[in-house]
Amino acid sequence: MAVVMEIPREYGYVVLVLVLYAFLNLWMGIQVGKARKKYKVPYPALYALESENKDAKLFNCVQRGHQNSIEYMPVFFVTLLLGGIQHSFVASALGLFYTVARFLYFKGYASGVPENRLKFGGSNFLALLGLIFCTASFGINLLLRGVL
């Protein structure tokens, strides 16, 4: 059975949060490029070897901060976009919180002390959990529309 629904006007906030995160991801990639030059880590090496580069840990922390954000990006995008259909304001607020927390996560990691990523940036996982609940609520609502 097909379900027809309208996307609420407030969904625009969800889309804008996604665009903001895309810009954050681009910025993080630029930071990795700058770190490559600064710490002399040539392409195509994903990470620097400590046996070959005295600044390997510093570069690897910058690279890892970006890489970890890329690893979580699919889950963030899917839960933001789907959960935002039914819960536009909540999902966009959680998405904005997630984006700021990811910035702090990256800055903490890029400091060269990996533990710093969790000081404030670790709260990104709470936002992601909230988005998962929004998406689950949306899925349950779709199923119940055919029953009730």
N, C-alpha and C. Protein backbone atom coordinates (compact mmCIF):
# COMPACT_ATOMS: atom_id res chain seq x y z
N MET A 1 0.84 -1.17 0.00
CA MET A 1 0.00 0.00 0.00
C MET A 1 0.89 1.24 0.00
N ALA A 2 0.64 2.14 -0.88
CA ALA A 2 1.43 3.36 -0.99
C ALA A 2 0.95 4.39 0.03
N VAL A 3 1.89 5.16 0.51
CA VAL A 3 1.58 6.25 1.43
C VAL A 3 1.98 7.55 0.74
N VAL A 4 1.04 8.47 0.67
CA VAL A 4 1.31 9.77 0.06
C VAL A 4 1.43 10.79 1.19
N MET A 5 2.47 11.58 1.14
CA MET A 5 2.64 12.60 2.16
C MET A 5 3.28 13.84 1.55
N GLU A 6 3.06 14.93 2.20
CA GLU A 6 3.68 16.18 1.78
C GLU A 6 4.90 16.43 2.65
N ILE A 7 5.94 16.94 2.03
CA ILE A 7 7.11 17.34 2.80
C ILE A 7 6.81 18.71 3.38
N PRO A 8 6.93 18.85 4.69
CA PRO A 8 6.60 20.14 5.31
C PRO A 8 7.59 21.24 4.90
N ARG A 9 7.10 22.45 4.90
CA ARG A 9 7.96 23.60 4.54
C ARG A 9 9.18 23.68 5.46
N GLU A 10 9.00 23.31 6.73
CA GLU A 10 10.09 23.36 7.70
C GLU A 10 11.22 22.39 7.36
N TYR A 11 10.98 21.49 6.43
CA TYR A 11 12.03 20.56 6.01
C TYR A 11 13.22 21.31 5.41
N GLY A 12 12.98 22.54 4.98
CA GLY A 12 14.07 23.37 4.47
C GLY A 12 15.18 23.53 5.48
N TYR A 13 14.84 23.57 6.78
CA TYR A 13 15.87 23.67 7.82
C TYR A 13 16.77 22.43 7.81
N VAL A 14 16.15 21.29 7.60
CA VAL A 14 16.90 20.02 7.53
C VAL A 14 17.90 20.08 6.38
N VAL A 15 17.44 20.54 5.24
CA VAL A 15 18.30 20.64 4.06
C VAL A 15 19.44 21.61 4.31
N LEU A 16 19.15 22.73 4.95
CA LEU A 16 20.21 23.71 5.23
C LEU A 16 21.26 23.16 6.20
N VAL A 17 20.84 22.37 7.17
CA VAL A 17 21.79 21.74 8.09
C VAL A 17 22.69 20.77 7.31
N LEU A 18 22.11 20.03 6.40
CA LEU A 18 22.90 19.12 5.57
C LEU A 18 23.95 19.89 4.76
N VAL A 19 23.55 21.02 4.19
CA VAL A 19 24.48 21.84 3.42
C VAL A 19 25.59 22.38 4.32
N LEU A 20 25.23 22.80 5.53
CA LEU A 20 26.22 23.28 6.49
C LEU A 20 27.25 22.20 6.79
N TYR A 21 26.77 20.97 6.99
CA TYR A 21 27.69 19.87 7.26
C TYR A 21 28.59 19.58 6.05
N ALA A 22 28.04 19.72 4.86
CA ALA A 22 28.86 19.52 3.65
C ALA A 22 30.00 20.54 3.62
N PHE A 23 29.71 21.79 4.00
CA PHE A 23 30.77 22.80 4.06
C PHE A 23 31.79 22.46 5.16
N LEU A 24 31.31 21.95 6.28
CA LEU A 24 32.24 21.54 7.35
C LEU A 24 33.16 20.44 6.84
N ASN A 25 32.60 19.48 6.12
CA ASN A 25 33.41 18.39 5.58
C ASN A 25 34.46 18.91 4.60
N LEU A 26 34.07 19.85 3.76
CA LEU A 26 35.04 20.46 2.84
C LEU A 26 36.15 21.17 3.60
N TRP A 27 35.77 21.90 4.63
CA TRP A 27 36.76 22.61 5.45
C TRP A 27 37.73 21.62 6.11
N MET A 28 37.21 20.53 6.64
CA MET A 28 38.07 19.52 7.26
C MET A 28 39.04 18.95 6.22
N GLY A 29 38.55 18.70 5.01
CA GLY A 29 39.43 18.20 3.95
C GLY A 29 40.54 19.18 3.63
N ILE A 30 40.23 20.46 3.62
CA ILE A 30 41.26 21.48 3.39
C ILE A 30 42.29 21.47 4.51
N GLN A 31 41.82 21.26 5.73
CA GLN A 31 42.75 21.20 6.87
C GLN A 31 43.71 20.01 6.73
N VAL A 32 43.21 18.91 6.22
CA VAL A 32 44.07 17.74 5.99
C VAL A 32 45.10 18.08 4.91
N GLY A 33 44.68 18.76 3.85
CA GLY A 33 45.61 19.17 2.80
C GLY A 33 46.70 20.08 3.33
N LYS A 34 46.33 21.02 4.18
CA LYS A 34 47.32 21.92 4.79
C LYS A 34 48.28 21.14 5.69
N ALA A 35 47.73 20.18 6.42
CA ALA A 35 48.57 19.36 7.30
C ALA A 35 49.54 18.51 6.48
N ARG A 36 49.11 18.04 5.31
CA ARG A 36 50.00 17.28 4.42
C ARG A 36 51.24 18.10 4.07
N LYS A 37 51.01 19.35 3.71
CA LYS A 37 52.12 20.23 3.35
C LYS A 37 52.99 20.53 4.56
N LYS A 38 52.35 20.89 5.68
CA LYS A 38 53.08 21.27 6.89
C LYS A 38 53.95 20.14 7.42
N TYR A 39 53.40 18.92 7.43
CA TYR A 39 54.12 17.77 8.01
C TYR A 39 54.78 16.90 6.95
N LYS A 40 54.74 17.34 5.70
CA LYS A 40 55.41 16.66 4.59
C LYS A 40 54.98 15.20 4.45
N VAL A 41 53.67 15.02 4.25
CA VAL A 41 53.11 13.69 4.03
C VAL A 41 52.56 13.68 2.60
N PRO A 42 53.28 13.03 1.68
CA PRO A 42 52.86 13.05 0.27
C PRO A 42 51.67 12.12 -0.01
N TYR A 43 50.95 12.47 -1.07
CA TYR A 43 49.91 11.57 -1.58
C TYR A 43 50.60 10.37 -2.19
N PRO A 44 50.05 9.20 -2.23
CA PRO A 44 48.71 8.81 -1.83
C PRO A 44 48.63 8.27 -0.41
N ALA A 45 49.68 8.45 0.39
CA ALA A 45 49.67 7.90 1.75
C ALA A 45 48.50 8.47 2.55
N LEU A 46 47.69 7.58 3.09
CA LEU A 46 46.55 8.01 3.90
C LEU A 46 47.03 8.48 5.26
N TYR A 47 48.01 7.79 5.81
CA TYR A 47 48.58 8.13 7.12
C TYR A 47 50.09 8.16 7.02
N ALA A 48 50.70 8.92 7.93
CA ALA A 48 52.16 9.00 7.99
C ALA A 48 52.68 7.89 8.90
N LEU A 49 53.86 7.40 8.58
CA LEU A 49 54.50 6.38 9.41
C LEU A 49 55.44 7.04 10.40
N GLU A 50 55.32 6.66 11.67
CA GLU A 50 56.17 7.26 12.69
C GLU A 50 57.63 6.93 12.48
N SER A 51 57.91 5.82 11.84
CA SER A 51 59.30 5.44 11.57
C SER A 51 59.93 6.31 10.49
N GLU A 52 59.09 7.00 9.70
CA GLU A 52 59.60 7.82 8.60
C GLU A 52 59.37 9.32 8.78
N ASN A 53 58.54 9.69 9.74
CA ASN A 53 58.17 11.10 9.87
C ASN A 53 58.00 11.44 11.35
N LYS A 54 58.81 12.38 11.82
CA LYS A 54 58.76 12.74 13.25
C LYS A 54 57.43 13.39 13.64
N ASP A 55 56.72 13.95 12.67
CA ASP A 55 55.43 14.59 12.92
C ASP A 55 54.25 13.71 12.55
N ALA A 56 54.49 12.42 12.44
CA ALA A 56 53.44 11.49 11.98
C ALA A 56 52.20 11.57 12.86
N LYS A 57 52.38 11.59 14.17
CA LYS A 57 51.21 11.60 15.06
C LYS A 57 50.38 12.87 14.85
N LEU A 58 51.05 14.00 14.67
CA LEU A 58 50.32 15.26 14.47
C LEU A 58 49.49 15.21 13.19
N PHE A 59 50.11 14.74 12.10
CA PHE A 59 49.36 14.62 10.86
C PHE A 59 48.24 13.60 10.99
N ASN A 60 48.55 12.46 11.55
CA ASN A 60 47.56 11.38 11.65
C ASN A 60 46.34 11.80 12.48
N CYS A 61 46.54 12.65 13.46
CA CYS A 61 45.41 13.13 14.25
C CYS A 61 44.49 14.01 13.41
N VAL A 62 45.07 14.87 12.57
CA VAL A 62 44.25 15.69 11.68
C VAL A 62 43.50 14.79 10.70
N GLN A 63 44.23 13.88 10.09
CA GLN A 63 43.65 12.96 9.11
C GLN A 63 42.55 12.12 9.75
N ARG A 64 42.81 11.62 10.95
CA ARG A 64 41.85 10.74 11.62
C ARG A 64 40.57 11.50 12.00
N GLY A 65 40.71 12.76 12.40
CA GLY A 65 39.53 13.56 12.72
C GLY A 65 38.61 13.70 11.53
N HIS A 66 39.19 13.91 10.36
CA HIS A 66 38.39 14.02 9.14
C HIS A 66 37.84 12.65 8.74
N GLN A 67 38.68 11.65 8.79
CA GLN A 67 38.27 10.31 8.38
C GLN A 67 37.11 9.80 9.23
N ASN A 68 37.17 10.04 10.53
CA ASN A 68 36.10 9.58 11.41
C ASN A 68 34.79 10.28 11.07
N SER A 69 34.87 11.55 10.73
CA SER A 69 33.66 12.28 10.34
C SER A 69 33.07 11.72 9.05
N ILE A 70 33.93 11.33 8.13
CA ILE A 70 33.46 10.72 6.87
C ILE A 70 32.79 9.37 7.16
N GLU A 71 33.35 8.62 8.11
CA GLU A 71 32.80 7.30 8.43
C GLU A 71 31.37 7.40 8.97
N TYR A 72 31.08 8.45 9.71
CA TYR A 72 29.74 8.62 10.28
C TYR A 72 28.79 9.40 9.38
N MET A 73 29.31 10.00 8.31
CA MET A 73 28.48 10.84 7.45
C MET A 73 27.27 10.11 6.86
N PRO A 74 27.38 8.89 6.37
CA PRO A 74 26.18 8.23 5.81
C PRO A 74 25.06 8.06 6.84
N VAL A 75 25.40 7.66 8.05
CA VAL A 75 24.38 7.48 9.09
C VAL A 75 23.76 8.83 9.43
N PHE A 76 24.60 9.86 9.55
CA PHE A 76 24.09 11.19 9.85
C PHE A 76 23.15 11.68 8.76
N PHE A 77 23.57 11.58 7.51
CA PHE A 77 22.74 12.08 6.41
C PHE A 77 21.41 11.34 6.33
N VAL A 78 21.44 10.02 6.42
CA VAL A 78 20.20 9.24 6.29
C VAL A 78 19.24 9.54 7.44
N THR A 79 19.76 9.56 8.66
CA THR A 79 18.87 9.81 9.80
C THR A 79 18.36 11.25 9.81
N LEU A 80 19.19 12.19 9.40
CA LEU A 80 18.76 13.59 9.31
C LEU A 80 17.65 13.74 8.27
N LEU A 81 17.88 13.19 7.09
CA LEU A 81 16.92 13.36 5.99
C LEU A 81 15.61 12.61 6.22
N LEU A 82 15.69 11.39 6.72
CA LEU A 82 14.45 10.62 6.95
C LEU A 82 13.72 11.08 8.20
N GLY A 83 14.44 11.21 9.30
CA GLY A 83 13.80 11.66 10.54
C GLY A 83 13.25 13.06 10.40
N GLY A 84 13.88 13.87 9.56
CA GLY A 84 13.45 15.24 9.37
C GLY A 84 12.14 15.38 8.61
N ILE A 85 11.72 14.36 7.92
CA ILE A 85 10.43 14.43 7.21
C ILE A 85 9.29 14.60 8.20
N GLN A 86 9.33 13.87 9.28
CA GLN A 86 8.27 13.95 10.29
C GLN A 86 8.61 14.93 11.41
N HIS A 87 9.88 15.04 11.74
CA HIS A 87 10.32 15.86 12.88
C HIS A 87 11.31 16.93 12.41
N SER A 88 10.85 17.83 11.56
CA SER A 88 11.75 18.78 10.91
C SER A 88 12.52 19.65 11.89
N PHE A 89 11.83 20.24 12.86
CA PHE A 89 12.51 21.13 13.80
C PHE A 89 13.46 20.36 14.71
N VAL A 90 13.01 19.25 15.23
CA VAL A 90 13.85 18.45 16.14
C VAL A 90 15.07 17.93 15.38
N ALA A 91 14.86 17.38 14.20
CA ALA A 91 15.96 16.83 13.42
C ALA A 91 16.95 17.92 13.01
N SER A 92 16.45 19.09 12.62
CA SER A 92 17.38 20.15 12.23
C SER A 92 18.15 20.67 13.44
N ALA A 93 17.52 20.75 14.60
CA ALA A 93 18.23 21.17 15.82
C ALA A 93 19.29 20.13 16.20
N LEU A 94 18.91 18.86 16.15
CA LEU A 94 19.88 17.79 16.45
C LEU A 94 21.01 17.79 15.41
N GLY A 95 20.66 18.01 14.16
CA GLY A 95 21.67 18.06 13.10
C GLY A 95 22.63 19.22 13.27
N LEU A 96 22.12 20.36 13.68
CA LEU A 96 22.98 21.52 13.94
C LEU A 96 23.90 21.24 15.13
N PHE A 97 23.32 20.66 16.17
CA PHE A 97 24.12 20.27 17.34
C PHE A 97 25.21 19.28 16.94
N TYR A 98 24.85 18.30 16.13
CA TYR A 98 25.80 17.30 15.64
C TYR A 98 26.93 17.98 14.86
N THR A 99 26.58 18.92 14.00
CA THR A 99 27.57 19.60 13.17
C THR A 99 28.56 20.38 14.02
N VAL A 100 28.06 21.11 15.00
CA VAL A 100 28.94 21.86 15.90
C VAL A 100 29.82 20.90 16.70
N ALA A 101 29.22 19.83 17.20
CA ALA A 101 29.98 18.84 17.96
C ALA A 101 31.05 18.17 17.10
N ARG A 102 30.75 17.92 15.83
CA ARG A 102 31.73 17.34 14.91
C ARG A 102 32.89 18.30 14.66
N PHE A 103 32.59 19.60 14.58
CA PHE A 103 33.64 20.60 14.45
C PHE A 103 34.56 20.54 15.68
N LEU A 104 33.95 20.49 16.87
CA LEU A 104 34.75 20.42 18.11
C LEU A 104 35.53 19.11 18.19
N TYR A 105 34.92 18.03 17.73
CA TYR A 105 35.59 16.73 17.68
C TYR A 105 36.84 16.83 16.81
N PHE A 106 36.68 17.41 15.63
CA PHE A 106 37.81 17.56 14.71
C PHE A 106 38.89 18.44 15.32
N LYS A 107 38.50 19.60 15.87
CA LYS A 107 39.49 20.51 16.46
C LYS A 107 40.24 19.82 17.60
N GLY A 108 39.53 19.07 18.42
CA GLY A 108 40.17 18.36 19.51
C GLY A 108 41.15 17.32 19.01
N TYR A 109 40.74 16.57 18.02
CA TYR A 109 41.62 15.54 17.44
C TYR A 109 42.83 16.19 16.78
N ALA A 110 42.59 17.25 16.03
CA ALA A 110 43.66 17.92 15.29
C ALA A 110 44.67 18.60 16.20
N SER A 111 44.37 18.70 17.48
CA SER A 111 45.31 19.30 18.43
C SER A 111 46.55 18.42 18.61
N GLY A 112 46.46 17.18 18.17
CA GLY A 112 47.58 16.25 18.34
C GLY A 112 47.44 15.38 19.58
N VAL A 113 46.41 15.63 20.37
CA VAL A 113 46.13 14.83 21.56
C VAL A 113 44.77 14.17 21.32
N PRO A 114 44.79 12.90 20.90
CA PRO A 114 43.54 12.25 20.51
C PRO A 114 42.42 12.30 21.56
N GLU A 115 42.78 12.30 22.82
CA GLU A 115 41.77 12.33 23.87
C GLU A 115 40.96 13.63 23.86
N ASN A 116 41.53 14.69 23.29
CA ASN A 116 40.83 15.98 23.24
C ASN A 116 39.58 15.94 22.37
N ARG A 117 39.49 14.95 21.49
CA ARG A 117 38.33 14.88 20.59
C ARG A 117 37.03 14.67 21.35
N LEU A 118 37.12 14.08 22.54
CA LEU A 118 35.91 13.74 23.29
C LEU A 118 35.50 14.78 24.31
N LYS A 119 36.34 15.79 24.55
CA LYS A 119 36.01 16.79 25.58
C LYS A 119 34.65 17.42 25.34
N PHE A 120 34.43 17.97 24.17
CA PHE A 120 33.13 18.52 23.81
C PHE A 120 32.57 17.82 22.58
N GLY A 121 33.46 17.37 21.71
CA GLY A 121 33.04 16.74 20.48
C GLY A 121 32.37 15.40 20.65
N GLY A 122 32.62 14.74 21.77
CA GLY A 122 32.02 13.44 22.01
C GLY A 122 30.50 13.49 22.11
N SER A 123 29.97 14.68 22.34
CA SER A 123 28.52 14.82 22.45
C SER A 123 27.81 14.64 21.11
N ASN A 124 28.59 14.55 20.02
CA ASN A 124 27.97 14.31 18.72
C ASN A 124 27.18 13.00 18.71
N PHE A 125 27.60 12.05 19.52
CA PHE A 125 26.92 10.76 19.54
C PHE A 125 25.52 10.87 20.14
N LEU A 126 25.33 11.81 21.07
CA LEU A 126 23.98 12.03 21.62
C LEU A 126 23.04 12.57 20.55
N ALA A 127 23.55 13.50 19.74
CA ALA A 127 22.74 14.05 18.65
C ALA A 127 22.40 12.96 17.64
N LEU A 128 23.37 12.12 17.34
CA LEU A 128 23.13 11.04 16.38
C LEU A 128 22.09 10.06 16.93
N LEU A 129 22.15 9.78 18.20
CA LEU A 129 21.15 8.90 18.82
C LEU A 129 19.75 9.52 18.71
N GLY A 130 19.67 10.83 18.96
CA GLY A 130 18.39 11.51 18.80
C GLY A 130 17.85 11.42 17.39
N LEU A 131 18.74 11.55 16.40
CA LEU A 131 18.32 11.43 15.00
C LEU A 131 17.87 10.01 14.67
N ILE A 132 18.51 9.04 15.27
CA ILE A 132 18.08 7.64 15.07
C ILE A 132 16.66 7.45 15.61
N PHE A 133 16.37 8.05 16.78
CA PHE A 133 15.01 7.96 17.33
C PHE A 133 14.00 8.66 16.43
N CYS A 134 14.37 9.83 15.89
CA CYS A 134 13.47 10.53 14.95
C CYS A 134 13.15 9.65 13.74
N THR A 135 14.18 8.99 13.22
CA THR A 135 13.99 8.14 12.05
C THR A 135 13.15 6.92 12.39
N ALA A 136 13.39 6.33 13.56
CA ALA A 136 12.59 5.18 13.99
C ALA A 136 11.13 5.59 14.16
N SER A 137 10.90 6.76 14.73
CA SER A 137 9.54 7.27 14.90
C SER A 137 8.86 7.45 13.55
N PHE A 138 9.60 7.97 12.59
CA PHE A 138 9.06 8.15 11.24
C PHE A 138 8.70 6.80 10.62
N GLY A 139 9.57 5.82 10.76
CA GLY A 139 9.30 4.48 10.22
C GLY A 139 8.09 3.83 10.86
N ILE A 140 7.99 3.95 12.18
CA ILE A 140 6.83 3.38 12.89
C ILE A 140 5.55 4.07 12.44
N ASN A 141 5.61 5.38 12.29
CA ASN A 141 4.44 6.13 11.85
C ASN A 141 4.00 5.68 10.45
N LEU A 142 4.94 5.45 9.56
CA LEU A 142 4.59 4.96 8.22
C LEU A 142 3.88 3.62 8.30
N LEU A 143 4.37 2.73 9.13
CA LEU A 143 3.76 1.42 9.25
C LEU A 143 2.35 1.50 9.85
N LEU A 144 2.19 2.37 10.84
CA LEU A 144 0.90 2.48 11.52
C LEU A 144 -0.15 3.17 10.65
N ARG A 145 0.24 3.97 9.70
CA ARG A 145 -0.73 4.65 8.83
C ARG A 145 -1.58 3.64 8.06
N GLY A 146 -1.00 2.54 7.74
CA GLY A 146 -1.76 1.51 7.01
C GLY A 146 -2.65 0.69 7.92
N VAL A 147 -2.35 0.69 9.23
CA VAL A 147 -3.09 -0.13 10.18
C VAL A 147 -4.22 0.64 10.84
N LEU A 148 -3.97 1.87 11.21
CA LEU A 148 -4.97 2.64 11.98
C LEU A 148 -5.89 3.44 11.12
